[in-house]
All heavy atoms as atom14 arrays in JSON, in Angstrom:
{
  "sequence": "VPKETIPHWLYEFGKIFPSSSGVEGFLRIQTMG",
  "atom14_mask": [
    [1, 1, 1, 1, 1, 1, 1, 0, 0, 0, 0, 0, 0, 0],
    [1, 1, 1, 1, 1, 1, 1, 0, 0, 0, 0, 0, 0, 0],
    [1, 1, 1, 1, 1, 1, 1, 1, 1, 0, 0, 0, 0, 0],
    [1, 1, 1, 1, 1, 1, 1, 1, 1, 0, 0, 0, 0, 0],
    [1, 1, 1, 1, 1, 1, 1, 0, 0, 0, 0, 0, 0, 0],
    [1, 1, 1, 1, 1, 1, 1, 1, 0, 0, 0, 0, 0, 0],
    [1, 1, 1, 1, 1, 1, 1, 0, 0, 0, 0, 0, 0, 0],
    [1, 1, 1, 1, 1, 1, 1, 1, 1, 1, 0, 0, 0, 0],
    [1, 1, 1, 1, 1, 1, 1, 1, 1, 1, 1, 1, 1, 1],
    [1, 1, 1, 1, 1, 1, 1, 1, 0, 0, 0, 0, 0, 0],
    [1, 1, 1, 1, 1, 1, 1, 1, 1, 1, 1, 1, 0, 0],
    [1, 1, 1, 1, 1, 1, 1, 1, 1, 0, 0, 0, 0, 0],
    [1, 1, 1, 1, 1, 1, 1, 1, 1, 1, 1, 0, 0, 0],
    [1, 1, 1, 1, 0, 0, 0, 0, 0, 0, 0, 0, 0, 0],
    [1, 1, 1, 1, 1, 1, 1, 1, 1, 0, 0, 0, 0, 0],
    [1, 1, 1, 1, 1, 1, 1, 1, 0, 0, 0, 0, 0, 0],
    [1, 1, 1, 1, 1, 1, 1, 1, 1, 1, 1, 0, 0, 0],
    [1, 1, 1, 1, 1, 1, 1, 0, 0, 0, 0, 0, 0, 0],
    [1, 1, 1, 1, 1, 1, 0, 0, 0, 0, 0, 0, 0, 0],
    [1, 1, 1, 1, 1, 1, 0, 0, 0, 0, 0, 0, 0, 0],
    [1, 1, 1, 1, 1, 1, 0, 0, 0, 0, 0, 0, 0, 0],
    [1, 1, 1, 1, 0, 0, 0, 0, 0, 0, 0, 0, 0, 0],
    [1, 1, 1, 1, 1, 1, 1, 0, 0, 0, 0, 0, 0, 0],
    [1, 1, 1, 1, 1, 1, 1, 1, 1, 0, 0, 0, 0, 0],
    [1, 1, 1, 1, 0, 0, 0, 0, 0, 0, 0, 0, 0, 0],
    [1, 1, 1, 1, 1, 1, 1, 1, 1, 1, 1, 0, 0, 0],
    [1, 1, 1, 1, 1, 1, 1, 1, 0, 0, 0, 0, 0, 0],
    [1, 1, 1, 1, 1, 1, 1, 1, 1, 1, 1, 0, 0, 0],
    [1, 1, 1, 1, 1, 1, 1, 1, 0, 0, 0, 0, 0, 0],
    [1, 1, 1, 1, 1, 1, 1, 1, 1, 0, 0, 0, 0, 0],
    [1, 1, 1, 1, 1, 1, 1, 0, 0, 0, 0, 0, 0, 0],
    [1, 1, 1, 1, 1, 1, 1, 1, 0, 0, 0, 0, 0, 0],
    [1, 1, 1, 1, 0, 0, 0, 0, 0, 0, 0, 0, 0, 0]
  ],
  "atom14_positions": [
    [[22.22, 8.1, -3.04], [22.73, 9.42, -3.43], [22.08, 10.45, -2.52], [20.97, 10.25, -2.04], [22.43, 9.75, -4.91], [23.19, 8.82, -5.83], [20.93, 9.67, -5.18], [0.0, 0.0, 0.0], [0.0, 0.0, 0.0], [0.0, 0.0, 0.0], [0.0, 0.0, 0.0], [0.0, 0.0, 0.0], [0.0, 0.0, 0.0], [0.0, 0.0, 0.0]],
    [[22.76, 11.58, -2.25], [22.15, 12.61, -1.39], [20.83, 13.1, -1.98], [20.69, 13.25, -3.2], [23.21, 13.72, -1.38], [24.49, 13.05, -1.73], [24.13, 11.93, -2.66], [0.0, 0.0, 0.0], [0.0, 0.0, 0.0], [0.0, 0.0, 0.0], [0.0, 0.0, 0.0], [0.0, 0.0, 0.0], [0.0, 0.0, 0.0], [0.0, 0.0, 0.0]],
    [[19.88, 13.37, -1.11], [18.57, 13.81, -1.59], [18.65, 15.15, -2.32], [17.8, 15.46, -3.15], [17.58, 13.92, -0.43], [17.91, 15.01, 0.57], [16.84, 15.12, 1.64], [17.11, 16.31, 2.57], [16.06, 16.46, 3.58], [0.0, 0.0, 0.0], [0.0, 0.0, 0.0], [0.0, 0.0, 0.0], [0.0, 0.0, 0.0], [0.0, 0.0, 0.0]],
    [[19.71, 15.94, -1.99], [19.87, 17.23, -2.66], [20.15, 17.1, -4.15], [19.94, 18.04, -4.91], [20.99, 18.02, -1.99], [20.68, 18.54, -0.6], [20.77, 17.47, 0.48], [21.28, 16.36, 0.17], [20.35, 17.72, 1.61], [0.0, 0.0, 0.0], [0.0, 0.0, 0.0], [0.0, 0.0, 0.0], [0.0, 0.0, 0.0], [0.0, 0.0, 0.0]],
    [[20.66, 15.93, -4.57], [20.96, 15.72, -5.99], [19.78, 15.13, -6.75], [19.83, 15.01, -7.97], [22.18, 14.78, -6.15], [21.85, 13.48, -5.63], [23.39, 15.33, -5.41], [0.0, 0.0, 0.0], [0.0, 0.0, 0.0], [0.0, 0.0, 0.0], [0.0, 0.0, 0.0], [0.0, 0.0, 0.0], [0.0, 0.0, 0.0], [0.0, 0.0, 0.0]],
    [[18.73, 14.73, -6.03], [17.54, 14.16, -6.66], [16.59, 15.3, -7.01], [16.4, 16.22, -6.21], [16.84, 13.17, -5.71], [17.82, 12.07, -5.27], [15.62, 12.55, -6.37], [17.25, 11.16, -4.19], [0.0, 0.0, 0.0], [0.0, 0.0, 0.0], [0.0, 0.0, 0.0], [0.0, 0.0, 0.0], [0.0, 0.0, 0.0], [0.0, 0.0, 0.0]],
    [[15.99, 15.29, -8.22], [15.0, 16.33, -8.54], [13.94, 16.44, -7.44], [13.46, 15.42, -6.93], [14.39, 15.83, -9.85], [15.48, 15.01, -10.48], [16.2, 14.36, -9.34], [0.0, 0.0, 0.0], [0.0, 0.0, 0.0], [0.0, 0.0, 0.0], [0.0, 0.0, 0.0], [0.0, 0.0, 0.0], [0.0, 0.0, 0.0], [0.0, 0.0, 0.0]],
    [[13.6, 17.66, -7.1], [12.7, 17.88, -5.96], [11.38, 17.13, -6.11], [10.9, 16.5, -5.16], [12.44, 19.38, -5.79], [11.53, 19.71, -4.65], [11.91, 19.58, -3.33], [10.23, 20.15, -4.64], [10.89, 19.93, -2.55], [9.87, 20.28, -3.32], [0.0, 0.0, 0.0], [0.0, 0.0, 0.0], [0.0, 0.0, 0.0], [0.0, 0.0, 0.0]],
    [[10.79, 17.2, -7.29], [9.5, 16.54, -7.5], [9.6, 15.03, -7.34], [8.68, 14.38, -6.82], [8.94, 16.88, -8.89], [9.75, 16.3, -10.02], [10.77, 16.9, -10.69], [9.59, 15.0, -10.61], [11.28, 16.06, -11.66], [10.57, 14.88, -11.63], [8.74, 13.93, -10.38], [10.71, 13.73, -12.4], [8.88, 12.78, -11.14], [9.85, 12.7, -12.15]],
    [[10.77, 14.47, -7.75], [10.94, 13.02, -7.66], [11.11, 12.59, -6.2], [10.56, 11.56, -5.78], [12.15, 12.59, -8.49], [12.41, 11.09, -8.59], [11.2, 10.36, -9.17], [13.66, 10.81, -9.44], [0.0, 0.0, 0.0], [0.0, 0.0, 0.0], [0.0, 0.0, 0.0], [0.0, 0.0, 0.0], [0.0, 0.0, 0.0], [0.0, 0.0, 0.0]],
    [[11.88, 13.39, -5.44], [12.06, 13.05, -4.03], [10.74, 13.16, -3.27], [10.43, 12.33, -2.41], [13.11, 13.96, -3.4], [13.39, 13.62, -1.95], [14.13, 12.49, -1.61], [12.91, 14.42, -0.92], [14.36, 12.16, -0.28], [13.14, 14.11, 0.4], [13.87, 12.98, 0.72], [14.1, 12.66, 2.03], [0.0, 0.0, 0.0], [0.0, 0.0, 0.0]],
    [[9.96, 14.19, -3.59], [8.66, 14.35, -2.94], [7.74, 13.18, -3.31], [6.99, 12.68, -2.46], [8.02, 15.68, -3.35], [8.73, 16.9, -2.79], [8.73, 16.93, -1.28], [7.66, 16.61, -0.68], [9.77, 17.25, -0.67], [0.0, 0.0, 0.0], [0.0, 0.0, 0.0], [0.0, 0.0, 0.0], [0.0, 0.0, 0.0], [0.0, 0.0, 0.0]],
    [[7.8, 12.75, -4.57], [7.01, 11.58, -4.98], [7.45, 10.34, -4.2], [6.62, 9.51, -3.81], [7.17, 11.34, -6.48], [6.59, 10.03, -6.95], [5.23, 9.89, -7.11], [7.41, 8.94, -7.21], [4.68, 8.68, -7.54], [6.88, 7.73, -7.64], [5.51, 7.6, -7.8], [0.0, 0.0, 0.0], [0.0, 0.0, 0.0], [0.0, 0.0, 0.0]],
    [[8.75, 10.22, -3.96], [9.27, 9.06, -3.25], [8.79, 8.95, -1.82], [8.9, 7.88, -1.2], [0.0, 0.0, 0.0], [0.0, 0.0, 0.0], [0.0, 0.0, 0.0], [0.0, 0.0, 0.0], [0.0, 0.0, 0.0], [0.0, 0.0, 0.0], [0.0, 0.0, 0.0], [0.0, 0.0, 0.0], [0.0, 0.0, 0.0], [0.0, 0.0, 0.0]],
    [[8.22, 10.04, -1.28], [7.75, 10.0, 0.1], [6.49, 9.16, 0.27], [6.04, 8.95, 1.4], [7.5, 11.42, 0.6], [8.78, 12.2, 0.85], [8.5, 13.58, 1.43], [9.8, 14.33, 1.72], [9.54, 15.68, 2.28], [0.0, 0.0, 0.0], [0.0, 0.0, 0.0], [0.0, 0.0, 0.0], [0.0, 0.0, 0.0], [0.0, 0.0, 0.0]],
    [[5.92, 8.68, -0.84], [4.79, 7.75, -0.7], [5.28, 6.4, -0.22], [4.48, 5.57, 0.22], [4.01, 7.59, -2.02], [4.88, 6.93, -3.09], [3.47, 8.93, -2.5], [4.14, 6.58, -4.36], [0.0, 0.0, 0.0], [0.0, 0.0, 0.0], [0.0, 0.0, 0.0], [0.0, 0.0, 0.0], [0.0, 0.0, 0.0], [0.0, 0.0, 0.0]],
    [[6.59, 6.16, -0.27], [7.17, 4.93, 0.25], [7.77, 5.22, 1.63], [8.38, 6.28, 1.84], [8.25, 4.39, -0.68], [7.77, 4.14, -2.08], [8.2, 4.93, -3.13], [6.87, 3.12, -2.34], [7.77, 4.72, -4.42], [6.42, 2.89, -3.63], [6.86, 3.69, -4.67], [0.0, 0.0, 0.0], [0.0, 0.0, 0.0], [0.0, 0.0, 0.0]],
    [[7.67, 4.31, 2.56], [8.19, 4.55, 3.91], [9.69, 4.82, 3.95], [10.18, 5.53, 4.83], [7.85, 3.26, 4.66], [6.72, 2.66, 3.9], [6.93, 3.03, 2.47], [0.0, 0.0, 0.0], [0.0, 0.0, 0.0], [0.0, 0.0, 0.0], [0.0, 0.0, 0.0], [0.0, 0.0, 0.0], [0.0, 0.0, 0.0], [0.0, 0.0, 0.0]],
    [[10.45, 4.27, 3.01], [11.91, 4.36, 3.06], [12.43, 5.79, 2.97], [13.46, 6.12, 3.59], [12.55, 3.52, 1.95], [12.03, 3.88, 0.69], [0.0, 0.0, 0.0], [0.0, 0.0, 0.0], [0.0, 0.0, 0.0], [0.0, 0.0, 0.0], [0.0, 0.0, 0.0], [0.0, 0.0, 0.0], [0.0, 0.0, 0.0], [0.0, 0.0, 0.0]],
    [[11.76, 6.67, 2.24], [12.25, 8.05, 2.08], [12.28, 8.77, 3.43], [13.3, 9.32, 3.83], [11.4, 8.81, 1.07], [11.57, 8.28, -0.23], [0.0, 0.0, 0.0], [0.0, 0.0, 0.0], [0.0, 0.0, 0.0], [0.0, 0.0, 0.0], [0.0, 0.0, 0.0], [0.0, 0.0, 0.0], [0.0, 0.0, 0.0], [0.0, 0.0, 0.0]],
    [[11.16, 8.78, 4.13], [11.12, 9.41, 5.45], [11.92, 8.59, 6.46], [12.53, 9.15, 7.37], [9.67, 9.55, 5.93], [8.94, 10.42, 5.08], [0.0, 0.0, 0.0], [0.0, 0.0, 0.0], [0.0, 0.0, 0.0], [0.0, 0.0, 0.0], [0.0, 0.0, 0.0], [0.0, 0.0, 0.0], [0.0, 0.0, 0.0], [0.0, 0.0, 0.0]],
    [[11.93, 7.27, 6.27], [12.66, 6.4, 7.2], [14.15, 6.64, 7.16], [14.8, 6.72, 8.21], [0.0, 0.0, 0.0], [0.0, 0.0, 0.0], [0.0, 0.0, 0.0], [0.0, 0.0, 0.0], [0.0, 0.0, 0.0], [0.0, 0.0, 0.0], [0.0, 0.0, 0.0], [0.0, 0.0, 0.0], [0.0, 0.0, 0.0], [0.0, 0.0, 0.0]],
    [[14.71, 6.76, 5.97], [16.16, 6.98, 5.83], [16.56, 8.3, 6.47], [17.51, 8.37, 7.26], [16.58, 6.95, 4.35], [17.98, 7.51, 4.17], [16.52, 5.52, 3.81], [0.0, 0.0, 0.0], [0.0, 0.0, 0.0], [0.0, 0.0, 0.0], [0.0, 0.0, 0.0], [0.0, 0.0, 0.0], [0.0, 0.0, 0.0], [0.0, 0.0, 0.0]],
    [[15.84, 9.37, 6.14], [16.19, 10.69, 6.64], [16.08, 10.76, 8.16], [16.98, 11.26, 8.85], [15.3, 11.75, 6.0], [15.7, 13.17, 6.37], [14.88, 14.22, 5.62], [14.03, 13.83, 4.79], [15.1, 15.42, 5.88], [0.0, 0.0, 0.0], [0.0, 0.0, 0.0], [0.0, 0.0, 0.0], [0.0, 0.0, 0.0], [0.0, 0.0, 0.0]],
    [[14.99, 10.25, 8.71], [14.8, 10.32, 10.15], [15.75, 9.42, 10.92], [16.34, 9.83, 11.93], [0.0, 0.0, 0.0], [0.0, 0.0, 0.0], [0.0, 0.0, 0.0], [0.0, 0.0, 0.0], [0.0, 0.0, 0.0], [0.0, 0.0, 0.0], [0.0, 0.0, 0.0], [0.0, 0.0, 0.0], [0.0, 0.0, 0.0], [0.0, 0.0, 0.0]],
    [[15.92, 8.2, 10.45], [16.78, 7.24, 11.16], [18.24, 7.67, 11.12], [18.98, 7.48, 12.1], [16.62, 5.85, 10.54], [17.2, 4.74, 11.37], [16.71, 4.48, 12.64], [18.24, 3.97, 10.89], [17.24, 3.45, 13.41], [18.78, 2.95, 11.66], [18.28, 2.68, 12.92], [0.0, 0.0, 0.0], [0.0, 0.0, 0.0], [0.0, 0.0, 0.0]],
    [[18.67, 8.25, 10.01], [20.05, 8.77, 9.93], [20.28, 9.83, 11.0], [21.32, 9.83, 11.67], [20.31, 9.35, 8.55], [20.93, 8.44, 7.5], [20.95, 9.13, 6.15], [22.34, 8.05, 7.9], [0.0, 0.0, 0.0], [0.0, 0.0, 0.0], [0.0, 0.0, 0.0], [0.0, 0.0, 0.0], [0.0, 0.0, 0.0], [0.0, 0.0, 0.0]],
    [[19.34, 10.74, 11.14], [19.51, 11.82, 12.1], [19.5, 11.3, 13.53], [20.23, 11.79, 14.4], [18.42, 12.87, 11.9], [18.55, 13.62, 10.57], [17.4, 14.58, 10.36], [17.37, 15.61, 11.39], [16.38, 16.5, 11.52], [15.34, 16.46, 10.69], [16.42, 17.4, 12.47], [0.0, 0.0, 0.0], [0.0, 0.0, 0.0], [0.0, 0.0, 0.0]],
    [[18.68, 10.3, 13.8], [18.63, 9.73, 15.15], [19.9, 8.96, 15.46], [20.52, 9.15, 16.52], [17.39, 8.82, 15.3], [16.11, 9.66, 15.28], [17.46, 8.02, 16.6], [14.83, 8.84, 15.28], [0.0, 0.0, 0.0], [0.0, 0.0, 0.0], [0.0, 0.0, 0.0], [0.0, 0.0, 0.0], [0.0, 0.0, 0.0], [0.0, 0.0, 0.0]],
    [[20.32, 8.09, 14.54], [21.46, 7.22, 14.8], [22.79, 7.96, 14.8], [23.65, 7.7, 15.63], [21.52, 6.09, 13.76], [20.66, 4.9, 14.08], [21.17, 4.1, 15.25], [21.13, 4.55, 16.4], [21.68, 2.91, 15.0], [0.0, 0.0, 0.0], [0.0, 0.0, 0.0], [0.0, 0.0, 0.0], [0.0, 0.0, 0.0], [0.0, 0.0, 0.0]],
    [[22.99, 8.85, 13.86], [24.3, 9.5, 13.73], [24.39, 10.82, 14.48], [25.46, 11.18, 14.98], [24.64, 9.74, 12.25], [23.64, 10.59, 11.66], [24.69, 8.44, 11.48], [0.0, 0.0, 0.0], [0.0, 0.0, 0.0], [0.0, 0.0, 0.0], [0.0, 0.0, 0.0], [0.0, 0.0, 0.0], [0.0, 0.0, 0.0], [0.0, 0.0, 0.0]],
    [[23.28, 11.56, 14.57], [23.32, 12.87, 15.19], [22.73, 12.89, 16.6], [22.81, 13.9, 17.3], [22.56, 13.88, 14.32], [23.11, 14.03, 12.91], [22.07, 15.06, 11.84], [22.23, 16.65, 12.64], [0.0, 0.0, 0.0], [0.0, 0.0, 0.0], [0.0, 0.0, 0.0], [0.0, 0.0, 0.0], [0.0, 0.0, 0.0], [0.0, 0.0, 0.0]],
    [[22.12, 11.79, 17.01], [21.51, 11.74, 18.33], [20.24, 12.56, 18.43], [19.87, 13.03, 19.52], [0.0, 0.0, 0.0], [0.0, 0.0, 0.0], [0.0, 0.0, 0.0], [0.0, 0.0, 0.0], [0.0, 0.0, 0.0], [0.0, 0.0, 0.0], [0.0, 0.0, 0.0], [0.0, 0.0, 0.0], [0.0, 0.0, 0.0], [0.0, 0.0, 0.0]]
  ]
}
């Protein structure tokens, strides 16, 4: 689901896992160059 629909505190908590930063960064690299 888009991160904008996730409660802010929960998304920030999720950053303790590599996947949160990984998804956002890799999406921008792969799709946006």
